[in-house]
């Protein structure tokens, strides 16, 4: 029986997928519009968390089915990717007050959170992932299965926790800013200066939804 990925394996897959996703979107916007756009999910570092969670989800769901027929892999990835994307959309809106994507203008969508076109992409991505990408990532994570890899993992875990808390605080402060509330202390002034409305608006496509509260 094939050995399942360890927590450390999945963590590094999450990190690599998040950075890879950030790079893909960065290049996509540059090629398409000729501008540099930082679509990181967090205020520090190049991390698109949707890609990270997607990489982990595809690995957990599909690594035991890598020998299955392509249509079986497609179906599993199609269904699981759709559910994951809906949950991530709902969670982002619950925590931050908006979602970074909206499929309301696309046919066969569910509450603008998921749609048929991108669900089909999930299905195709599942096949590409488990047949081509995952074997490469597995080789990378196997090289980090040592003491250095474990220490680096703990460092990155602490950094991501700090980055997540800082991002949530920045969004909370932006919500106050859109209501016309001035900073009450040096920390909020720091957030306005370094991670204020303009900074976050460059990161998130639909941050302008908060502007209606301004």
C-alpha atoms as a PDB file:
ATOM      1  CA  UNK A   1       0.000   0.000   0.000  1.00  0.00           C
ATOM      2  CA  UNK A   2       1.362   3.414  -0.992  1.00  0.00           C
ATOM      3  CA  UNK A   3       2.440   5.623   1.889  1.00  0.00           C
ATOM      4  CA  UNK A   4       0.215   8.675   2.321  1.00  0.00           C
ATOM      5  CA  UNK A   5       1.672  12.154   2.472  1.00  0.00           C
ATOM      6  CA  UNK A   6       2.702  13.263   5.965  1.00  0.00           C
ATOM      7  CA  UNK A   7       1.688  16.558   7.550  1.00  0.00           C
ATOM      8  CA  UNK A   8       5.109  17.943   6.605  1.00  0.00           C
ATOM      9  CA  UNK A   9       4.642  16.817   2.998  1.00  0.00           C
ATOM     10  CA  UNK A  10       1.221  18.488   2.841  1.00  0.00           C
ATOM     11  CA  UNK A  11       2.512  21.662   4.452  1.00  0.00           C
ATOM     12  CA  UNK A  12       5.243  22.079   1.854  1.00  0.00           C
ATOM     13  CA  UNK A  13       2.774  21.266  -0.917  1.00  0.00           C
ATOM     14  CA  UNK A  14       0.597  24.053   0.531  1.00  0.00           C
ATOM     15  CA  UNK A  15       3.518  26.510   0.532  1.00  0.00           C
ATOM     16  CA  UNK A  16       4.733  25.605  -2.958  1.00  0.00           C
ATOM     17  CA  UNK A  17       1.207  25.682  -4.411  1.00  0.00           C
ATOM     18  CA  UNK A  18       0.480  29.059  -2.786  1.00  0.00           C
ATOM     19  CA  UNK A  19       3.641  30.611  -4.229  1.00  0.00           C
ATOM     20  CA  UNK A  20       3.116  28.935  -7.612  1.00  0.00           C
ATOM     21  CA  UNK A  21      -0.463  30.263  -7.732  1.00  0.00           C
ATOM     22  CA  UNK A  22       0.727  33.773  -6.886  1.00  0.00           C
ATOM     23  CA  UNK A  23       3.294  33.572  -9.697  1.00  0.00           C
ATOM     24  CA  UNK A  24       0.705  32.326 -12.212  1.00  0.00           C
ATOM     25  CA  UNK A  25      -1.679  35.208 -11.434  1.00  0.00           C
ATOM     26  CA  UNK A  26       1.186  37.706 -11.408  1.00  0.00           C
ATOM     27  CA  UNK A  27       2.294  36.624 -14.905  1.00  0.00           C
ATOM     28  CA  UNK A  28      -1.298  36.288 -16.162  1.00  0.00           C
ATOM     29  CA  UNK A  29      -2.148  39.903 -15.331  1.00  0.00           C
ATOM     30  CA  UNK A  30       1.147  41.144 -16.728  1.00  0.00           C
ATOM     31  CA  UNK A  31       0.699  39.323 -20.051  1.00  0.00           C
ATOM     32  CA  UNK A  32      -3.001  40.203 -20.284  1.00  0.00           C
ATOM     33  CA  UNK A  33      -2.967  43.826 -19.081  1.00  0.00           C
ATOM     34  CA  UNK A  34       0.698  44.803 -18.971  1.00  0.00           C
ATOM     35  CA  UNK A  35       0.590  45.631 -15.257  1.00  0.00           C
ATOM     36  CA  UNK A  36       2.122  44.106 -12.145  1.00  0.00           C
ATOM     37  CA  UNK A  37      -0.567  42.978  -9.700  1.00  0.00           C
ATOM     38  CA  UNK A  38       0.079  41.418  -6.307  1.00  0.00           C
ATOM     39  CA  UNK A  39      -2.774  38.987  -5.680  1.00  0.00           C
ATOM     40  CA  UNK A  40      -1.385  37.517  -2.492  1.00  0.00           C
ATOM     41  CA  UNK A  41      -3.978  36.447   0.071  1.00  0.00           C
ATOM     42  CA  UNK A  42      -1.817  37.779   2.910  1.00  0.00           C
ATOM     43  CA  UNK A  43      -0.203  41.186   3.346  1.00  0.00           C
ATOM     44  CA  UNK A  44       3.318  39.727   3.620  1.00  0.00           C
ATOM     45  CA  UNK A  45       4.797  37.327   1.109  1.00  0.00           C
ATOM     46  CA  UNK A  46       3.634  35.821  -2.216  1.00  0.00           C
ATOM     47  CA  UNK A  47       0.941  33.453  -0.944  1.00  0.00           C
ATOM     48  CA  UNK A  48      -2.283  32.728  -2.854  1.00  0.00           C
ATOM     49  CA  UNK A  49      -3.905  30.533  -0.224  1.00  0.00           C
ATOM     50  CA  UNK A  50      -6.673  29.265  -2.513  1.00  0.00           C
ATOM     51  CA  UNK A  51      -4.007  27.515  -4.599  1.00  0.00           C
ATOM     52  CA  UNK A  52      -2.348  26.205  -1.445  1.00  0.00           C
ATOM     53  CA  UNK A  53      -5.553  24.704  -0.081  1.00  0.00           C
ATOM     54  CA  UNK A  54      -6.392  23.438  -3.550  1.00  0.00           C
ATOM     55  CA  UNK A  55      -3.032  21.645  -3.811  1.00  0.00           C
ATOM     56  CA  UNK A  56      -3.495  20.027  -0.411  1.00  0.00           C
ATOM     57  CA  UNK A  57      -7.102  19.045  -1.154  1.00  0.00           C
ATOM     58  CA  UNK A  58      -6.202  17.502  -4.516  1.00  0.00           C
ATOM     59  CA  UNK A  59      -3.320  15.601  -2.913  1.00  0.00           C
ATOM     60  CA  UNK A  60      -5.390  14.210  -0.027  1.00  0.00           C
ATOM     61  CA  UNK A  61      -8.296  13.281  -2.286  1.00  0.00           C
ATOM     62  CA  UNK A  62      -6.418  11.948  -5.304  1.00  0.00           C
ATOM     63  CA  UNK A  63      -3.101  10.430  -4.195  1.00  0.00           C
ATOM     64  CA  UNK A  64      -4.808   7.077  -3.581  1.00  0.00           C
ATOM     65  CA  UNK A  65      -6.464   7.240  -7.011  1.00  0.00           C
ATOM     66  CA  UNK A  66      -3.423   8.064  -9.134  1.00  0.00           C
ATOM     67  CA  UNK A  67      -3.765   4.749 -10.975  1.00  0.00           C
ATOM     68  CA  UNK A  68      -7.474   5.199 -11.678  1.00  0.00           C
ATOM     69  CA  UNK A  69      -8.893   6.041 -15.092  1.00  0.00           C
ATOM     70  CA  UNK A  70      -8.787   9.700 -16.112  1.00  0.00           C
ATOM     71  CA  UNK A  71     -12.579  10.146 -16.020  1.00  0.00           C
ATOM     72  CA  UNK A  72     -12.716   8.867 -12.425  1.00  0.00           C
ATOM     73  CA  UNK A  73     -10.010  11.332 -11.372  1.00  0.00           C
ATOM     74  CA  UNK A  74     -11.857  14.082 -13.268  1.00  0.00           C
ATOM     75  CA  UNK A  75     -15.135  13.363 -11.494  1.00  0.00           C
ATOM     76  CA  UNK A  76     -13.574  13.285  -7.999  1.00  0.00           C
ATOM     77  CA  UNK A  77     -11.657  16.501  -8.637  1.00  0.00           C
ATOM     78  CA  UNK A  78     -14.674  18.207 -10.220  1.00  0.00           C
ATOM     79  CA  UNK A  79     -16.911  17.558  -7.205  1.00  0.00           C
ATOM     80  CA  UNK A  80     -14.333  18.124  -4.455  1.00  0.00           C
ATOM     81  CA  UNK A  81     -12.918  21.268  -6.103  1.00  0.00           C
ATOM     82  CA  UNK A  82     -16.390  22.770  -6.413  1.00  0.00           C
ATOM     83  CA  UNK A  83     -17.200  22.117  -2.753  1.00  0.00           C
ATOM     84  CA  UNK A  84     -13.803  23.472  -1.644  1.00  0.00           C
ATOM     85  CA  UNK A  85     -14.168  26.654  -3.700  1.00  0.00           C
ATOM     86  CA  UNK A  86     -17.654  27.293  -2.300  1.00  0.00           C
ATOM     87  CA  UNK A  87     -16.429  26.833   1.285  1.00  0.00           C
ATOM     88  CA  UNK A  88     -13.416  29.127   0.708  1.00  0.00           C
ATOM     89  CA  UNK A  89     -15.647  31.797  -0.825  1.00  0.00           C
ATOM     90  CA  UNK A  90     -18.092  31.634   2.081  1.00  0.00           C
ATOM     91  CA  UNK A  91     -15.258  31.666   4.629  1.00  0.00           C
ATOM     92  CA  UNK A  92     -13.557  34.692   3.058  1.00  0.00           C
ATOM     93  CA  UNK A  93     -16.820  36.625   3.001  1.00  0.00           C
ATOM     94  CA  UNK A  94     -17.528  35.656   6.602  1.00  0.00           C
ATOM     95  CA  UNK A  95     -14.089  36.770   7.853  1.00  0.00           C
ATOM     96  CA  UNK A  96     -13.277  39.681   5.546  1.00  0.00           C
ATOM     97  CA  UNK A  97     -16.674  40.871   4.371  1.00  0.00           C
ATOM     98  CA  UNK A  98     -16.122  40.089   0.686  1.00  0.00           C
ATOM     99  CA  UNK A  99     -14.773  37.413  -1.634  1.00  0.00           C
ATOM    100  CA  UNK A 100     -11.878  37.820  -4.077  1.00  0.00           C
ATOM    101  CA  UNK A 101     -13.901  36.207  -6.906  1.00  0.00           C
ATOM    102  CA  UNK A 102     -17.477  36.496  -8.139  1.00  0.00           C
ATOM    103  CA  UNK A 103     -18.956  34.283 -10.878  1.00  0.00           C
ATOM    104  CA  UNK A 104     -22.387  35.938 -10.908  1.00  0.00           C
ATOM    105  CA  UNK A 105     -21.929  36.966 -14.547  1.00  0.00           C
ATOM    106  CA  UNK A 106     -21.114  33.402 -15.657  1.00  0.00           C
ATOM    107  CA  UNK A 107     -23.761  30.785 -16.533  1.00  0.00           C
ATOM    108  CA  UNK A 108     -24.651  27.910 -14.205  1.00  0.00           C
ATOM    109  CA  UNK A 109     -23.259  29.568 -11.094  1.00  0.00           C
ATOM    110  CA  UNK A 110     -24.317  29.001  -7.474  1.00  0.00           C
ATOM    111  CA  UNK A 111     -24.583  32.272  -5.534  1.00  0.00           C
ATOM    112  CA  UNK A 112     -21.645  33.604  -7.561  1.00  0.00           C
ATOM    113  CA  UNK A 113     -19.295  31.396  -5.523  1.00  0.00           C
ATOM    114  CA  UNK A 114     -18.868  28.522  -7.971  1.00  0.00           C
ATOM    115  CA  UNK A 115     -19.794  27.972 -11.605  1.00  0.00           C
ATOM    116  CA  UNK A 116     -19.765  25.196 -14.176  1.00  0.00           C
ATOM    117  CA  UNK A 117     -16.765  26.542 -16.131  1.00  0.00           C
ATOM    118  CA  UNK A 118     -14.401  26.672 -13.150  1.00  0.00           C
ATOM    119  CA  UNK A 119     -15.718  23.387 -11.791  1.00  0.00           C
ATOM    120  CA  UNK A 120     -14.689  21.829 -15.112  1.00  0.00           C
ATOM    121  CA  UNK A 121     -11.283  23.457 -14.650  1.00  0.00           C
ATOM    122  CA  UNK A 122     -11.036  21.731 -11.254  1.00  0.00           C
ATOM    123  CA  UNK A 123     -11.710  18.401 -12.966  1.00  0.00           C
ATOM    124  CA  UNK A 124      -9.003  18.922 -15.579  1.00  0.00           C
ATOM    125  CA  UNK A 125      -6.601  20.304 -12.967  1.00  0.00           C
ATOM    126  CA  UNK A 126      -7.060  17.144 -10.895  1.00  0.00           C
ATOM    127  CA  UNK A 127      -5.833  15.001 -13.766  1.00  0.00           C
ATOM    128  CA  UNK A 128      -2.854  17.280 -14.473  1.00  0.00           C
ATOM    129  CA  UNK A 129      -2.075  17.527 -10.762  1.00  0.00           C
ATOM    130  CA  UNK A 130      -1.975  13.856  -9.845  1.00  0.00           C
ATOM    131  CA  UNK A 131      -0.368  12.684 -13.086  1.00  0.00           C
ATOM    132  CA  UNK A 132       2.217  15.420 -13.675  1.00  0.00           C
ATOM    133  CA  UNK A 133       2.612  18.003 -10.889  1.00  0.00           C
ATOM    134  CA  UNK A 134       2.246  15.909  -7.732  1.00  0.00           C
ATOM    135  CA  UNK A 135       5.119  13.503  -8.587  1.00  0.00           C
ATOM    136  CA  UNK A 136       7.450  16.521  -8.949  1.00  0.00           C
ATOM    137  CA  UNK A 137       6.257  18.080  -5.680  1.00  0.00           C
ATOM    138  CA  UNK A 138       6.673  14.723  -3.950  1.00  0.00           C
ATOM    139  CA  UNK A 139      10.343  14.644  -4.948  1.00  0.00           C
ATOM    140  CA  UNK A 140      10.818  18.141  -3.548  1.00  0.00           C
ATOM    141  CA  UNK A 141       9.120  17.344  -0.219  1.00  0.00           C
ATOM    142  CA  UNK A 142      11.117  14.110   0.126  1.00  0.00           C
ATOM    143  CA  UNK A 143      14.326  16.175   0.035  1.00  0.00           C
ATOM    144  CA  UNK A 144      12.963  18.252   2.949  1.00  0.00           C
ATOM    145  CA  UNK A 145      12.227  15.185   5.109  1.00  0.00           C
ATOM    146  CA  UNK A 146      15.120  15.956   7.447  1.00  0.00           C
ATOM    147  CA  UNK A 147      15.934  18.106  10.475  1.00  0.00           C
ATOM    148  CA  UNK A 148      16.407  21.258   8.413  1.00  0.00           C
ATOM    149  CA  UNK A 149      13.069  20.677   6.673  1.00  0.00           C
ATOM    150  CA  UNK A 150      11.297  20.300  10.021  1.00  0.00           C
ATOM    151  CA  UNK A 151      12.873  23.471  11.467  1.00  0.00           C
ATOM    152  CA  UNK A 152      11.971  25.404   8.306  1.00  0.00           C
ATOM    153  CA  UNK A 153       8.398  24.113   8.529  1.00  0.00           C
ATOM    154  CA  UNK A 154       7.993  25.398  12.104  1.00  0.00           C
ATOM    155  CA  UNK A 155       9.455  28.766  11.129  1.00  0.00           C
ATOM    156  CA  UNK A 156       7.055  29.086   8.193  1.00  0.00           C
ATOM    157  CA  UNK A 157       4.102  28.002  10.361  1.00  0.00           C
ATOM    158  CA  UNK A 158       4.841  30.787  12.852  1.00  0.00           C
ATOM    159  CA  UNK A 159       5.334  33.289  10.028  1.00  0.00           C
ATOM    160  CA  UNK A 160       2.045  32.338   8.340  1.00  0.00           C
ATOM    161  CA  UNK A 161       0.190  32.603  11.643  1.00  0.00           C
ATOM    162  CA  UNK A 162       1.630  36.081  12.205  1.00  0.00           C
ATOM    163  CA  UNK A 163       0.889  37.038   8.579  1.00  0.00           C
ATOM    164  CA  UNK A 164      -2.718  35.828   8.881  1.00  0.00           C
ATOM    165  CA  UNK A 165      -3.336  37.768  12.102  1.00  0.00           C
ATOM    166  CA  UNK A 166      -1.763  40.889  10.579  1.00  0.00           C
ATOM    167  CA  UNK A 167      -3.953  40.529   7.478  1.00  0.00           C
ATOM    168  CA  UNK A 168      -7.140  40.183   9.536  1.00  0.00           C
ATOM    169  CA  UNK A 169      -6.153  43.245  11.597  1.00  0.00           C
ATOM    170  CA  UNK A 170      -5.456  45.205   8.406  1.00  0.00           C
ATOM    171  CA  UNK A 171      -8.902  44.362   7.040  1.00  0.00           C
ATOM    172  CA  UNK A 172     -10.544  45.298  10.316  1.00  0.00           C
ATOM    173  CA  UNK A 173      -8.790  48.649  10.213  1.00  0.00           C
ATOM    174  CA  UNK A 174      -9.767  49.206   6.548  1.00  0.00           C
ATOM    175  CA  UNK A 175     -13.410  48.636   7.480  1.00  0.00           C
ATOM    176  CA  UNK A 176     -13.050  51.339  10.115  1.00  0.00           C
ATOM    177  CA  UNK A 177     -11.340  53.600   7.585  1.00  0.00           C
ATOM    178  CA  UNK A 178     -14.194  53.214   5.078  1.00  0.00           C
ATOM    179  CA  UNK A 179     -16.538  54.414   7.815  1.00  0.00           C
ATOM    180  CA  UNK A 180     -14.431  57.533   8.294  1.00  0.00           C
ATOM    181  CA  UNK A 181     -12.950  56.509  11.647  1.00  0.00           C
ATOM    182  CA  UNK A 182      -9.406  57.863  12.253  1.00  0.00           C
ATOM    183  CA  UNK A 183      -6.625  55.715  13.799  1.00  0.00           C
ATOM    184  CA  UNK A 184      -6.871  55.560  17.595  1.00  0.00           C
ATOM    185  CA  UNK A 185      -3.280  54.537  18.351  1.00  0.00           C
ATOM    186  CA  UNK A 186       0.186  54.167  16.751  1.00  0.00           C
ATOM    187  CA  UNK A 187      -0.577  50.576  15.724  1.00  0.00           C
ATOM    188  CA  UNK A 188      -3.640  51.581  13.699  1.00  0.00           C
ATOM    189  CA  UNK A 189      -1.646  54.459  12.226  1.00  0.00           C
ATOM    190  CA  UNK A 190       1.000  51.885  11.221  1.00  0.00           C
ATOM    191  CA  UNK A 191      -1.677  49.765   9.512  1.00  0.00           C
ATOM    192  CA  UNK A 192      -3.020  52.801   7.627  1.00  0.00           C
ATOM    193  CA  UNK A 193       0.475  53.697   6.462  1.00  0.00           C
ATOM    194  CA  UNK A 194       1.730  50.277   5.408  1.00  0.00           C
ATOM    195  CA  UNK A 195      -1.369  48.087   4.860  1.00  0.00           C
ATOM    196  CA  UNK A 196      -4.127  50.616   4.279  1.00  0.00           C
ATOM    197  CA  UNK A 197      -6.980  50.798   1.784  1.00  0.00           C
ATOM    198  CA  UNK A 198      -4.824  51.433  -1.288  1.00  0.00           C
ATOM    199  CA  UNK A 199      -2.460  48.586  -0.427  1.00  0.00           C
ATOM    200  CA  UNK A 200      -5.265  46.066   0.047  1.00  0.00           C
ATOM    201  CA  UNK A 201      -7.178  47.375  -2.963  1.00  0.00           C
ATOM    202  CA  UNK A 202      -4.202  46.440  -5.143  1.00  0.00           C
ATOM    203  CA  UNK A 203      -4.315  42.903  -3.734  1.00  0.00           C
ATOM    204  CA  UNK A 204      -8.035  42.157  -3.847  1.00  0.00           C
ATOM    205  CA  UNK A 205     -10.199  42.689  -6.910  1.00  0.00           C
ATOM    206  CA  UNK A 206     -13.466  43.135  -5.020  1.00  0.00           C
ATOM    207  CA  UNK A 207     -12.279  45.249  -2.112  1.00  0.00           C
ATOM    208  CA  UNK A 208     -14.275  48.095  -3.673  1.00  0.00           C
ATOM    209  CA  UNK A 209     -17.367  46.488  -2.126  1.00  0.00           C
ATOM    210  CA  UNK A 210     -16.249  48.015   1.159  1.00  0.00           C
ATOM    211  CA  UNK A 211     -16.199  51.451  -0.420  1.00  0.00           C
ATOM    212  CA  UNK A 212     -19.960  51.562  -0.293  1.00  0.00           C
ATOM    213  CA  UNK A 213     -19.616  51.785   3.484  1.00  0.00           C
ATOM    214  CA  UNK A 214     -17.250  54.741   3.252  1.00  0.00           C
END
